[in-house]
Amino acid sequence: MNSDLSTQESLFNAIKDGLPANISLVHDISELLNISYDSAYRRIRGEKELSLDELKKLSLHYKVSIDSLFNLKSNNVVFKSTFLSEEGISFRDWMHVAHFELKRINSFKDKEFIYSAKDIPIFHYFRFSDIFTFKVLFWHKALISSAEFNDSLITLELDESLLEMGKQIAVIYSKIPTCELWNEETFNSIIRQIEFCYVSGFFSKKDIAFRLCDSLEAMIHHLQREAELGFRFTPGTTPEGIEGSFKLYFNEVLLGDNTIFVKTDGNSTAYLTYNVINLLITTNPHFCQQIEKSLRVLMHESTLISSTSAKDRNRYFVGIYGKINALRKRME
């Protein structure tokens, strides 16, 4: 590595900014590089130059863009990938990643979370066990190569530990100030998936499809109530929260893929989905800046339907209830 210690200092500042408040920088560095605390301190203070191998380990582990350290503008962007498959990570591992990322984000004093939702934001599923169970089993049957699920009929039974982890993730997500952008398509995919499984005979019992319609309707009713209040709360509890901490936008025309942009104490991270649930994660500053700019333009061109705009909000949710009722009639 070049002996430019200001670059090394920038690296450790970036790592420090991204660490949750309860994590010791020195301890983390010494564990990762397998060195003593004293050696870690010397590298952090710039007294000991990092090797190329150490630079690689640190940048990959903490997701710090090399381009940003050297102030390089490049069309090449480095992403961390979470790929679910028998060869990649398991869904349980994916849940651990989501849990860690949300805890890290929530640990910062200043935080902003923008979710452009082509489909229902995944964290909402976790609060409704029937819907969450269906989505997990459907993903494994249709998208994630898994011998355990491919030949199985879909039930509404799932490992209790996964359900509990999902609830924990949902609680953390509800504490983070969030802007979500939805459109007419946001709820269509789950409705199509329920109908597809019903027609294809993938349910162990036909009444599961109707039970899912009821659960989906309950979830939408809860989301409508949260949008009305402007904050999120746990289903079945007395509504309590900070007004304005949940902002919901509706866009009639434009909405691309499921994209998340997060800013914590001035540092940005972008999360892009591919193959429905897999994630690409980057902290590349120029890429994140482009994502942020696009999302803010999208928000400006959208209608805020939370807290205010009751007429627009009710029209949107009535349309979703209508789609669920139409599905029930097609299955009767």
C-alpha atoms as a PDB file:
ATOM      1  CA  MET A   1       0.000   0.000   0.000  1.00  0.00           C
ATOM      2  CA  ASN A   2       1.164   3.541  -0.713  1.00  0.00           C
ATOM      3  CA  SER A   3       2.580   5.235   2.380  1.00  0.00           C
ATOM      4  CA  ASP A   4      -0.065   7.960   2.224  1.00  0.00           C
ATOM      5  CA  LEU A   5      -1.219   7.751   5.829  1.00  0.00           C
ATOM      6  CA  SER A   6      -4.114  10.164   5.264  1.00  0.00           C
ATOM      7  CA  THR A   7      -5.663   7.444   3.107  1.00  0.00           C
ATOM      8  CA  GLN A   8      -5.163   4.912   5.905  1.00  0.00           C
ATOM      9  CA  GLU A   9      -6.677   7.364   8.349  1.00  0.00           C
ATOM     10  CA  SER A  10      -9.677   7.801   6.032  1.00  0.00           C
ATOM     11  CA  LEU A  11     -10.144   4.033   5.948  1.00  0.00           C
ATOM     12  CA  PHE A  12     -10.313   3.715   9.724  1.00  0.00           C
ATOM     13  CA  ASN A  13     -12.564   6.773   9.999  1.00  0.00           C
ATOM     14  CA  ALA A  14     -14.951   5.146   7.527  1.00  0.00           C
ATOM     15  CA  ILE A  15     -14.849   1.877   9.483  1.00  0.00           C
ATOM     16  CA  LYS A  16     -15.470   3.716  12.753  1.00  0.00           C
ATOM     17  CA  ASP A  17     -18.428   5.615  11.267  1.00  0.00           C
ATOM     18  CA  GLY A  18     -20.010   2.350  10.135  1.00  0.00           C
ATOM     19  CA  LEU A  19     -19.614   0.437  13.402  1.00  0.00           C
ATOM     20  CA  PRO A  20     -22.496   0.184  15.877  1.00  0.00           C
ATOM     21  CA  ALA A  21     -21.881   2.246  19.018  1.00  0.00           C
ATOM     22  CA  ASN A  22     -21.473  -0.864  21.200  1.00  0.00           C
ATOM     23  CA  ILE A  23     -18.638  -2.359  19.085  1.00  0.00           C
ATOM     24  CA  SER A  24     -14.986  -1.649  19.954  1.00  0.00           C
ATOM     25  CA  LEU A  25     -12.981  -0.634  16.870  1.00  0.00           C
ATOM     26  CA  VAL A  26      -9.695  -1.910  18.308  1.00  0.00           C
ATOM     27  CA  HIS A  27     -11.166  -5.265  19.307  1.00  0.00           C
ATOM     28  CA  ASP A  28     -12.826  -5.708  15.924  1.00  0.00           C
ATOM     29  CA  ILE A  29      -9.636  -4.893  14.002  1.00  0.00           C
ATOM     30  CA  SER A  30      -7.464  -7.168  16.130  1.00  0.00           C
ATOM     31  CA  GLU A  31      -9.915 -10.057  15.677  1.00  0.00           C
ATOM     32  CA  LEU A  32     -10.216  -9.587  11.917  1.00  0.00           C
ATOM     33  CA  LEU A  33      -6.489  -9.208  11.236  1.00  0.00           C
ATOM     34  CA  ASN A  34      -5.456 -11.682  13.982  1.00  0.00           C
ATOM     35  CA  ILE A  35      -3.116  -9.169  15.613  1.00  0.00           C
ATOM     36  CA  SER A  36      -2.677  -7.806  19.146  1.00  0.00           C
ATOM     37  CA  TYR A  37      -4.483  -4.745  20.471  1.00  0.00           C
ATOM     38  CA  ASP A  38      -1.195  -2.841  20.399  1.00  0.00           C
ATOM     39  CA  SER A  39      -0.653  -3.699  16.722  1.00  0.00           C
ATOM     40  CA  ALA A  40      -4.226  -2.674  15.964  1.00  0.00           C
ATOM     41  CA  TYR A  41      -3.736   0.657  17.729  1.00  0.00           C
ATOM     42  CA  ARG A  42      -0.552   1.299  15.734  1.00  0.00           C
ATOM     43  CA  ARG A  43      -2.384   0.757  12.449  1.00  0.00           C
ATOM     44  CA  ILE A  44      -5.341   2.903  13.512  1.00  0.00           C
ATOM     45  CA  ARG A  45      -3.007   5.752  14.555  1.00  0.00           C
ATOM     46  CA  GLY A  46      -1.044   5.456  11.289  1.00  0.00           C
ATOM     47  CA  GLU A  47       2.199   4.396  12.968  1.00  0.00           C
ATOM     48  CA  LYS A  48       2.169   1.067  11.110  1.00  0.00           C
ATOM     49  CA  GLU A  49       1.373   0.900   7.410  1.00  0.00           C
ATOM     50  CA  LEU A  50      -1.308  -1.565   6.293  1.00  0.00           C
ATOM     51  CA  SER A  51      -0.304  -4.325   3.904  1.00  0.00           C
ATOM     52  CA  LEU A  52      -2.299  -4.871   0.702  1.00  0.00           C
ATOM     53  CA  ASP A  53      -3.754  -8.039   2.195  1.00  0.00           C
ATOM     54  CA  GLU A  54      -4.876  -6.160   5.307  1.00  0.00           C
ATOM     55  CA  LEU A  55      -6.385  -3.389   3.192  1.00  0.00           C
ATOM     56  CA  LYS A  56      -8.332  -5.975   1.205  1.00  0.00           C
ATOM     57  CA  LYS A  57      -9.615  -7.713   4.336  1.00  0.00           C
ATOM     58  CA  LEU A  58     -10.700  -4.458   5.953  1.00  0.00           C
ATOM     59  CA  SER A  59     -12.399  -3.004   2.875  1.00  0.00           C
ATOM     60  CA  LEU A  60     -14.316  -6.223   2.127  1.00  0.00           C
ATOM     61  CA  HIS A  61     -15.317  -6.933   5.727  1.00  0.00           C
ATOM     62  CA  TYR A  62     -16.510  -3.394   6.477  1.00  0.00           C
ATOM     63  CA  LYS A  63     -17.803  -2.753   2.938  1.00  0.00           C
ATOM     64  CA  VAL A  64     -15.652   0.366   2.476  1.00  0.00           C
ATOM     65  CA  SER A  65     -15.160   1.349  -1.174  1.00  0.00           C
ATOM     66  CA  ILE A  66     -11.506   1.543  -2.266  1.00  0.00           C
ATOM     67  CA  ASP A  67     -12.552   4.143  -4.839  1.00  0.00           C
ATOM     68  CA  SER A  68     -13.786   6.395  -2.056  1.00  0.00           C
ATOM     69  CA  LEU A  69     -10.516   6.078  -0.119  1.00  0.00           C
ATOM     70  CA  PHE A  70      -8.457   7.194  -3.092  1.00  0.00           C
ATOM     71  CA  ASN A  71     -11.129   9.597  -4.321  1.00  0.00           C
ATOM     72  CA  LEU A  72     -11.398   7.684  -7.595  1.00  0.00           C
ATOM     73  CA  LYS A  73     -14.352   8.052  -9.929  1.00  0.00           C
ATOM     74  CA  SER A  74     -14.890   4.753 -11.678  1.00  0.00           C
ATOM     75  CA  ASN A  75     -17.665   2.942 -13.509  1.00  0.00           C
ATOM     76  CA  ASN A  76     -16.678  -0.188 -11.584  1.00  0.00           C
ATOM     77  CA  VAL A  77     -18.586  -0.640  -8.327  1.00  0.00           C
ATOM     78  CA  VAL A  78     -17.807  -3.281  -5.695  1.00  0.00           C
ATOM     79  CA  PHE A  79     -20.830  -5.007  -4.138  1.00  0.00           C
ATOM     80  CA  LYS A  80     -21.245  -7.494  -1.346  1.00  0.00           C
ATOM     81  CA  SER A  81     -23.690 -10.201  -2.423  1.00  0.00           C
ATOM     82  CA  THR A  82     -26.087 -12.369  -0.431  1.00  0.00           C
ATOM     83  CA  PHE A  83     -27.032 -15.210  -2.783  1.00  0.00           C
ATOM     84  CA  LEU A  84     -29.533 -17.747  -1.506  1.00  0.00           C
ATOM     85  CA  SER A  85     -29.049 -21.274  -2.805  1.00  0.00           C
ATOM     86  CA  GLU A  86     -27.750 -24.646  -1.690  1.00  0.00           C
ATOM     87  CA  GLU A  87     -24.303 -23.458  -2.811  1.00  0.00           C
ATOM     88  CA  GLY A  88     -24.706 -19.952  -1.369  1.00  0.00           C
ATOM     89  CA  ILE A  89     -26.189 -18.867   1.951  1.00  0.00           C
ATOM     90  CA  SER A  90     -29.337 -20.284   3.560  1.00  0.00           C
ATOM     91  CA  PHE A  91     -32.468 -18.261   4.209  1.00  0.00           C
ATOM     92  CA  ARG A  92     -31.649 -18.360   7.918  1.00  0.00           C
ATOM     93  CA  ASP A  93     -28.244 -16.819   7.125  1.00  0.00           C
ATOM     94  CA  TRP A  94     -30.023 -14.179   5.033  1.00  0.00           C
ATOM     95  CA  MET A  95     -32.194 -13.380   8.042  1.00  0.00           C
ATOM     96  CA  HIS A  96     -29.097 -12.984  10.210  1.00  0.00           C
ATOM     97  CA  VAL A  97     -27.645 -10.520   7.668  1.00  0.00           C
ATOM     98  CA  ALA A  98     -30.895  -8.516   7.668  1.00  0.00           C
ATOM     99  CA  HIS A  99     -31.019  -8.544  11.473  1.00  0.00           C
ATOM    100  CA  PHE A 100     -27.396  -7.377  11.769  1.00  0.00           C
ATOM    101  CA  GLU A 101     -27.800  -4.622   9.146  1.00  0.00           C
ATOM    102  CA  LEU A 102     -30.952  -3.215  10.743  1.00  0.00           C
ATOM    103  CA  LYS A 103     -29.418  -3.293  14.239  1.00  0.00           C
ATOM    104  CA  ARG A 104     -26.372  -1.476  12.885  1.00  0.00           C
ATOM    105  CA  ILE A 105     -28.505   1.154  11.154  1.00  0.00           C
ATOM    106  CA  ASN A 106     -30.688   1.673  14.221  1.00  0.00           C
ATOM    107  CA  SER A 107     -27.628   2.172  16.454  1.00  0.00           C
ATOM    108  CA  PHE A 108     -26.835   5.534  14.826  1.00  0.00           C
ATOM    109  CA  LYS A 109     -28.166   8.815  16.119  1.00  0.00           C
ATOM    110  CA  ASP A 110     -28.972  10.211  12.678  1.00  0.00           C
ATOM    111  CA  LYS A 111     -30.475   7.728  10.244  1.00  0.00           C
ATOM    112  CA  GLU A 112     -32.625   7.780   7.134  1.00  0.00           C
ATOM    113  CA  PHE A 113     -34.111   4.782   5.340  1.00  0.00           C
ATOM    114  CA  ILE A 114     -35.708   5.038   1.875  1.00  0.00           C
ATOM    115  CA  TYR A 115     -37.337   1.919   0.411  1.00  0.00           C
ATOM    116  CA  SER A 116     -38.528   1.945  -3.198  1.00  0.00           C
ATOM    117  CA  ALA A 117     -40.933  -0.993  -3.174  1.00  0.00           C
ATOM    118  CA  LYS A 118     -41.860  -2.740  -6.396  1.00  0.00           C
ATOM    119  CA  ASP A 119     -43.138  -5.502  -4.086  1.00  0.00           C
ATOM    120  CA  ILE A 120     -44.342  -5.277  -0.493  1.00  0.00           C
ATOM    121  CA  PRO A 121     -41.319  -4.335   1.658  1.00  0.00           C
ATOM    122  CA  ILE A 122     -40.096  -7.647   2.991  1.00  0.00           C
ATOM    123  CA  PHE A 123     -39.978  -6.464   6.621  1.00  0.00           C
ATOM    124  CA  HIS A 124     -43.780  -6.147   6.680  1.00  0.00           C
ATOM    125  CA  TYR A 125     -44.165  -9.872   6.002  1.00  0.00           C
ATOM    126  CA  PHE A 126     -42.343 -10.717   9.211  1.00  0.00           C
ATOM    127  CA  ARG A 127     -45.164  -9.299  11.369  1.00  0.00           C
ATOM    128  CA  PHE A 128     -47.811 -11.661   9.966  1.00  0.00           C
ATOM    129  CA  SER A 129     -46.854 -15.297  10.446  1.00  0.00           C
ATOM    130  CA  ASP A 130     -49.133 -16.817   7.773  1.00  0.00           C
ATOM    131  CA  ILE A 131     -47.930 -14.415   5.083  1.00  0.00           C
ATOM    132  CA  PHE A 132     -44.298 -14.771   6.160  1.00  0.00           C
ATOM    133  CA  THR A 133     -44.546 -18.574   6.150  1.00  0.00           C
ATOM    134  CA  PHE A 134     -46.137 -18.599   2.697  1.00  0.00           C
ATOM    135  CA  LYS A 135     -43.460 -16.304   1.256  1.00  0.00           C
ATOM    136  CA  VAL A 136     -40.593 -18.387   2.687  1.00  0.00           C
ATOM    137  CA  LEU A 137     -42.024 -21.627   1.327  1.00  0.00           C
ATOM    138  CA  PHE A 138     -42.889 -20.051  -2.032  1.00  0.00           C
ATOM    139  CA  TRP A 139     -39.378 -18.584  -2.398  1.00  0.00           C
ATOM    140  CA  HIS A 140     -37.842 -21.991  -1.705  1.00  0.00           C
ATOM    141  CA  LYS A 141     -40.173 -23.716  -4.118  1.00  0.00           C
ATOM    142  CA  ALA A 142     -39.923 -21.215  -6.980  1.00  0.00           C
ATOM    143  CA  LEU A 143     -36.631 -19.342  -6.597  1.00  0.00           C
ATOM    144  CA  ILE A 144     -34.193 -20.894  -4.144  1.00  0.00           C
ATOM    145  CA  SER A 145     -32.783 -24.252  -5.121  1.00  0.00           C
ATOM    146  CA  SER A 146     -33.591 -26.467  -2.145  1.00  0.00           C
ATOM    147  CA  ALA A 147     -34.195 -30.216  -2.138  1.00  0.00           C
ATOM    148  CA  GLU A 148     -35.977 -29.791   1.195  1.00  0.00           C
ATOM    149  CA  PHE A 149     -38.847 -27.772  -0.295  1.00  0.00           C
ATOM    150  CA  ASN A 150     -38.995 -28.457  -4.040  1.00  0.00           C
ATOM    151  CA  ASP A 151     -41.207 -31.533  -3.786  1.00  0.00           C
ATOM    152  CA  SER A 152     -43.231 -30.427  -0.780  1.00  0.00           C
ATOM    153  CA  LEU A 153     -46.758 -29.038  -0.786  1.00  0.00           C
ATOM    154  CA  ILE A 154     -47.120 -25.631   0.813  1.00  0.00           C
ATOM    155  CA  THR A 155     -48.496 -25.576   4.348  1.00  0.00           C
ATOM    156  CA  LEU A 156     -48.579 -22.693   6.809  1.00  0.00           C
ATOM    157  CA  GLU A 157     -46.060 -24.275   9.152  1.00  0.00           C
ATOM    158  CA  LEU A 158     -42.577 -22.838   9.665  1.00  0.00           C
ATOM    159  CA  ASP A 159     -39.763 -23.250  12.167  1.00  0.00           C
ATOM    160  CA  GLU A 160     -40.653 -21.189  15.262  1.00  0.00           C
ATOM    161  CA  SER A 161     -37.116 -19.801  15.499  1.00  0.00           C
ATOM    162  CA  LEU A 162     -37.457 -18.248  12.021  1.00  0.00           C
ATOM    163  CA  LEU A 163     -40.816 -16.740  12.926  1.00  0.00           C
ATOM    164  CA  GLU A 164     -39.331 -15.278  16.101  1.00  0.00           C
ATOM    165  CA  MET A 165     -36.332 -13.881  14.256  1.00  0.00           C
ATOM    166  CA  GLY A 166     -38.695 -12.292  11.754  1.00  0.00           C
ATOM    167  CA  LYS A 167     -40.629 -10.587  14.552  1.00  0.00           C
ATOM    168  CA  GLN A 168     -37.382  -9.237  16.024  1.00  0.00           C
ATOM    169  CA  ILE A 169     -36.351  -7.847  12.634  1.00  0.00           C
ATOM    170  CA  ALA A 170     -39.772  -6.226  12.197  1.00  0.00           C
ATOM    171  CA  VAL A 171     -39.524  -4.540  15.613  1.00  0.00           C
ATOM    172  CA  ILE A 172     -36.132  -3.039  14.747  1.00  0.00           C
ATOM    173  CA  TYR A 173     -37.386  -1.884  11.340  1.00  0.00           C
ATOM    174  CA  SER A 174     -40.357  -0.156  12.985  1.00  0.00           C
ATOM    175  CA  LYS A 175     -37.944   1.967  15.054  1.00  0.00           C
ATOM    176  CA  ILE A 176     -36.056   3.358  12.048  1.00  0.00           C
ATOM    177  CA  PRO A 177     -37.458   6.528  10.400  1.00  0.00           C
ATOM    178  CA  THR A 178     -38.492   5.314   6.961  1.00  0.00           C
ATOM    179  CA  CYS A 179     -39.853   6.569   3.663  1.00  0.00           C
ATOM    180  CA  GLU A 180     -41.496   3.921   1.493  1.00  0.00           C
ATOM    181  CA  LEU A 181     -42.508   4.395  -2.130  1.00  0.00           C
ATOM    182  CA  TRP A 182     -45.282   2.179  -3.492  1.00  0.00           C
ATOM    183  CA  ASN A 183     -47.194   1.992  -6.770  1.00  0.00           C
ATOM    184  CA  GLU A 184     -50.115   0.073  -8.300  1.00  0.00           C
ATOM    185  CA  GLU A 185     -47.933  -3.043  -8.708  1.00  0.00           C
ATOM    186  CA  THR A 186     -46.623  -3.262  -5.150  1.00  0.00           C
ATOM    187  CA  PHE A 187     -49.262  -5.747  -3.923  1.00  0.00           C
ATOM    188  CA  ASN A 188     -49.876  -7.527  -7.213  1.00  0.00           C
ATOM    189  CA  SER A 189     -47.063 -10.066  -6.961  1.00  0.00           C
ATOM    190  CA  ILE A 190     -48.246 -11.714  -3.734  1.00  0.00           C
ATOM    191  CA  ILE A 191     -51.815 -11.872  -5.063  1.00  0.00           C
ATOM    192  CA  ARG A 192     -50.570 -13.551  -8.245  1.00  0.00           C
ATOM    193  CA  GLN A 193     -48.428 -15.954  -6.215  1.00  0.00           C
ATOM    194  CA  ILE A 194     -51.345 -17.062  -4.045  1.00  0.00           C
ATOM    195  CA  GLU A 195     -53.494 -17.626  -7.140  1.00  0.00           C
ATOM    196  CA  PHE A 196     -50.693 -19.459  -8.960  1.00  0.00           C
ATOM    197  CA  CYS A 197     -50.178 -21.874  -6.041  1.00  0.00           C
ATOM    198  CA  TYR A 198     -53.943 -22.430  -5.755  1.00  0.00           C
ATOM    199  CA  VAL A 199     -54.406 -23.181  -9.472  1.00  0.00           C
ATOM    200  CA  SER A 200     -51.263 -25.345  -9.587  1.00  0.00           C
ATOM    201  CA  GLY A 201     -52.314 -27.443  -6.599  1.00  0.00           C
ATOM    202  CA  PHE A 202     -49.285 -26.453  -4.537  1.00  0.00           C
ATOM    203  CA  PHE A 203     -51.248 -25.966  -1.299  1.00  0.00           C
ATOM    204  CA  SER A 204     -51.661 -28.976   0.990  1.00  0.00           C
ATOM    205  CA  LYS A 205     -55.261 -27.804   1.533  1.00  0.00           C
ATOM    206  CA  LYS A 206     -57.294 -25.517  -0.722  1.00  0.00           C
ATOM    207  CA  ASP A 207     -58.580 -23.431   2.182  1.00  0.00           C
ATOM    208  CA  ILE A 208     -54.997 -22.217   2.781  1.00  0.00           C
ATOM    209  CA  ALA A 209     -55.453 -19.828  -0.160  1.00  0.00           C
ATOM    210  CA  PHE A 210     -58.525 -18.254   1.501  1.00  0.00           C
ATOM    211  CA  ARG A 211     -56.746 -18.092   4.848  1.00  0.00           C
ATOM    212  CA  LEU A 212     -53.897 -16.235   3.135  1.00  0.00           C
ATOM    213  CA  CYS A 213     -56.376 -13.775   1.628  1.00  0.00           C
ATOM    214  CA  ASP A 214     -57.671 -13.065   5.149  1.00  0.00           C
ATOM    215  CA  SER A 215     -54.131 -12.615   6.485  1.00  0.00           C
ATOM    216  CA  LEU A 216     -53.169 -10.369   3.581  1.00  0.00           C
ATOM    217  CA  GLU A 217     -56.255  -8.263   4.179  1.00  0.00           C
ATOM    218  CA  ALA A 218     -55.327  -7.954   7.878  1.00  0.00           C
ATOM    219  CA  MET A 219     -51.799  -6.893   6.948  1.00  0.00           C
ATOM    220  CA  ILE A 220     -53.057  -4.251   4.514  1.00  0.00           C
ATOM    221  CA  HIS A 221     -55.511  -2.923   7.112  1.00  0.00           C
ATOM    222  CA  HIS A 222     -52.649  -2.562   9.579  1.00  0.00           C
ATOM    223  CA  LEU A 223     -50.440  -0.811   6.992  1.00  0.00           C
ATOM    224  CA  GLN A 224     -53.314   1.545   6.185  1.00  0.00           C
ATOM    225  CA  ARG A 225     -53.644   2.413   9.876  1.00  0.00           C
ATOM    226  CA  GLU A 226     -49.887   3.044  10.132  1.00  0.00           C
ATOM    227  CA  ALA A 227     -50.008   5.305   7.072  1.00  0.00           C
ATOM    228  CA  GLU A 228     -52.902   7.212   8.640  1.00  0.00           C
ATOM    229  CA  LEU A 229     -50.993   7.726  11.915  1.00  0.00           C
ATOM    230  CA  GLY A 230     -47.594   8.353  10.307  1.00  0.00           C
ATOM    231  CA  PHE A 231     -45.745   5.812  12.443  1.00  0.00           C
ATOM    232  CA  ARG A 232     -45.433   2.037  12.752  1.00  0.00           C
ATOM    233  CA  PHE A 233     -46.459  -0.167  15.648  1.00  0.00           C
ATOM    234  CA  THR A 234     -46.738  -3.876  16.394  1.00  0.00           C
ATOM    235  CA  PRO A 235     -50.009  -5.460  15.178  1.00  0.00           C
ATOM    236  CA  GLY A 236     -52.442  -6.149  18.016  1.00  0.00           C
ATOM    237  CA  THR A 237     -50.967  -3.486  20.305  1.00  0.00           C
ATOM    238  CA  THR A 238     -52.009   0.052  21.209  1.00  0.00           C
ATOM    239  CA  PRO A 239     -50.642   2.425  18.544  1.00  0.00           C
ATOM    240  CA  GLU A 240     -47.633   4.296  19.892  1.00  0.00           C
ATOM    241  CA  GLY A 241     -44.867   5.997  17.937  1.00  0.00           C
ATOM    242  CA  ILE A 242     -43.362   9.221  16.653  1.00  0.00           C
ATOM    243  CA  GLU A 243     -45.614  10.933  14.120  1.00  0.00           C
ATOM    244  CA  GLY A 244     -43.848  11.398  10.790  1.00  0.00           C
ATOM    245  CA  SER A 245     -41.393   8.536  11.345  1.00  0.00           C
ATOM    246  CA  PHE A 246     -43.191   6.534   8.633  1.00  0.00           C
ATOM    247  CA  LYS A 247     -43.789   8.350   5.363  1.00  0.00           C
ATOM    248  CA  LEU A 248     -45.612   6.542   2.569  1.00  0.00           C
ATOM    249  CA  TYR A 249     -45.522   7.795  -1.010  1.00  0.00           C
ATOM    250  CA  PHE A 250     -47.602   6.610  -3.949  1.00  0.00           C
ATOM    251  CA  ASN A 251     -46.329   6.915  -7.510  1.00  0.00           C
ATOM    252  CA  GLU A 252     -48.814   6.312 -10.301  1.00  0.00           C
ATOM    253  CA  VAL A 253     -46.279   5.795 -13.079  1.00  0.00           C
ATOM    254  CA  LEU A 254     -42.671   5.080 -12.131  1.00  0.00           C
ATOM    255  CA  LEU A 255     -41.142   2.594  -9.748  1.00  0.00           C
ATOM    256  CA  GLY A 256     -38.248   0.342 -10.664  1.00  0.00           C
ATOM    257  CA  ASP A 257     -36.868  -2.551  -8.683  1.00  0.00           C
ATOM    258  CA  ASN A 258     -36.844  -3.005  -4.927  1.00  0.00           C
ATOM    259  CA  THR A 259     -34.126  -0.558  -3.882  1.00  0.00           C
ATOM    260  CA  ILE A 260     -33.069   0.607  -0.424  1.00  0.00           C
ATOM    261  CA  PHE A 261     -30.969   3.670   0.344  1.00  0.00           C
ATOM    262  CA  VAL A 262     -29.704   4.254   3.882  1.00  0.00           C
ATOM    263  CA  LYS A 263     -27.851   7.216   5.341  1.00  0.00           C
ATOM    264  CA  THR A 264     -26.341   6.956   8.835  1.00  0.00           C
ATOM    265  CA  ASP A 265     -24.472   9.911  10.321  1.00  0.00           C
ATOM    266  CA  GLY A 266     -23.690  11.125   6.798  1.00  0.00           C
ATOM    267  CA  ASN A 267     -22.511   7.744   5.443  1.00  0.00           C
ATOM    268  CA  SER A 268     -24.503   6.085   2.650  1.00  0.00           C
ATOM    269  CA  THR A 269     -25.273   2.457   1.772  1.00  0.00           C
ATOM    270  CA  ALA A 270     -27.324   1.120  -1.145  1.00  0.00           C
ATOM    271  CA  TYR A 271     -29.076  -2.258  -1.164  1.00  0.00           C
ATOM    272  CA  LEU A 272     -30.291  -3.574  -4.521  1.00  0.00           C
ATOM    273  CA  THR A 273     -32.326  -6.738  -4.987  1.00  0.00           C
ATOM    274  CA  TYR A 274     -31.865  -9.301  -7.731  1.00  0.00           C
ATOM    275  CA  ASN A 275     -33.722 -12.578  -8.319  1.00  0.00           C
ATOM    276  CA  VAL A 276     -36.437 -11.200  -6.015  1.00  0.00           C
ATOM    277  CA  ILE A 277     -34.746 -11.638  -2.616  1.00  0.00           C
ATOM    278  CA  ASN A 278     -30.966 -11.672  -3.117  1.00  0.00           C
ATOM    279  CA  LEU A 279     -29.091  -8.512  -2.172  1.00  0.00           C
ATOM    280  CA  LEU A 280     -26.252  -6.464  -3.612  1.00  0.00           C
ATOM    281  CA  ILE A 281     -24.794  -4.092  -1.006  1.00  0.00           C
ATOM    282  CA  THR A 282     -22.366  -1.222  -1.615  1.00  0.00           C
ATOM    283  CA  THR A 283     -21.046   1.893   0.109  1.00  0.00           C
ATOM    284  CA  ASN A 284     -19.474   3.282  -3.080  1.00  0.00           C
ATOM    285  CA  PRO A 285     -20.084   7.028  -2.589  1.00  0.00           C
ATOM    286  CA  HIS A 286     -20.662   7.924  -6.237  1.00  0.00           C
ATOM    287  CA  PHE A 287     -23.068   5.045  -6.800  1.00  0.00           C
ATOM    288  CA  CYS A 288     -24.942   5.796  -3.554  1.00  0.00           C
ATOM    289  CA  GLN A 289     -25.165   9.444  -4.568  1.00  0.00           C
ATOM    290  CA  GLN A 290     -26.802   8.438  -7.852  1.00  0.00           C
ATOM    291  CA  ILE A 291     -29.278   6.162  -6.049  1.00  0.00           C
ATOM    292  CA  GLU A 292     -30.135   8.869  -3.521  1.00  0.00           C
ATOM    293  CA  LYS A 293     -30.669  11.474  -6.243  1.00  0.00           C
ATOM    294  CA  SER A 294     -32.958   9.140  -8.225  1.00  0.00           C
ATOM    295  CA  LEU A 295     -35.034   8.238  -5.174  1.00  0.00           C
ATOM    296  CA  ARG A 296     -35.447  11.843  -4.085  1.00  0.00           C
ATOM    297  CA  VAL A 297     -36.626  12.789  -7.578  1.00  0.00           C
ATOM    298  CA  LEU A 298     -39.072   9.869  -7.397  1.00  0.00           C
ATOM    299  CA  MET A 299     -40.345  11.049  -4.014  1.00  0.00           C
ATOM    300  CA  HIS A 300     -40.816  14.568  -5.368  1.00  0.00           C
ATOM    301  CA  GLU A 301     -42.892  13.197  -8.254  1.00  0.00           C
ATOM    302  CA  SER A 302     -44.998  11.014  -5.916  1.00  0.00           C
ATOM    303  CA  THR A 303     -47.972  11.721  -3.653  1.00  0.00           C
ATOM    304  CA  LEU A 304     -47.473  11.572   0.103  1.00  0.00           C
ATOM    305  CA  ILE A 305     -50.387   9.453   1.376  1.00  0.00           C
ATOM    306  CA  SER A 306     -49.371   9.068   5.027  1.00  0.00           C
ATOM    307  CA  SER A 307     -50.654  11.355   7.814  1.00  0.00           C
ATOM    308  CA  THR A 308     -52.349  13.668   5.282  1.00  0.00           C
ATOM    309  CA  SER A 309     -54.084  13.083   1.913  1.00  0.00           C
ATOM    310  CA  ALA A 310     -56.775  10.810   3.384  1.00  0.00           C
ATOM    311  CA  LYS A 311     -58.712  10.765   0.098  1.00  0.00           C
ATOM    312  CA  ASP A 312     -55.712   9.557  -1.953  1.00  0.00           C
ATOM    313  CA  ARG A 313     -54.703   7.073   0.759  1.00  0.00           C
ATOM    314  CA  ASN A 314     -58.156   5.539   1.044  1.00  0.00           C
ATOM    315  CA  ARG A 315     -58.522   5.282  -2.729  1.00  0.00           C
ATOM    316  CA  TYR A 316     -55.234   3.387  -2.929  1.00  0.00           C
ATOM    317  CA  PHE A 317     -56.040   0.902  -0.167  1.00  0.00           C
ATOM    318  CA  VAL A 318     -59.626   0.347  -1.356  1.00  0.00           C
ATOM    319  CA  GLY A 319     -58.111  -0.701  -4.680  1.00  0.00           C
ATOM    320  CA  ILE A 320     -55.988  -3.346  -2.944  1.00  0.00           C
ATOM    321  CA  TYR A 321     -58.966  -4.739  -0.995  1.00  0.00           C
ATOM    322  CA  GLY A 322     -60.789  -4.984  -4.317  1.00  0.00           C
ATOM    323  CA  LYS A 323     -57.996  -7.077  -5.814  1.00  0.00           C
ATOM    324  CA  ILE A 324     -58.117  -9.511  -2.872  1.00  0.00           C
ATOM    325  CA  ASN A 325     -61.892  -9.871  -3.139  1.00  0.00           C
ATOM    326  CA  ALA A 326     -61.565 -10.471  -6.877  1.00  0.00           C
ATOM    327  CA  LEU A 327     -59.048 -13.251  -6.134  1.00  0.00           C
ATOM    328  CA  ARG A 328     -61.485 -14.854  -3.646  1.00  0.00           C
ATOM    329  CA  LYS A 329     -64.215 -14.882  -6.303  1.00  0.00           C
ATOM    330  CA  ARG A 330     -61.919 -16.467  -8.884  1.00  0.00           C
ATOM    331  CA  MET A 331     -61.064 -19.255  -6.445  1.00  0.00           C
ATOM    332  CA  GLU A 332     -64.638 -19.937  -5.256  1.00  0.00           C
END
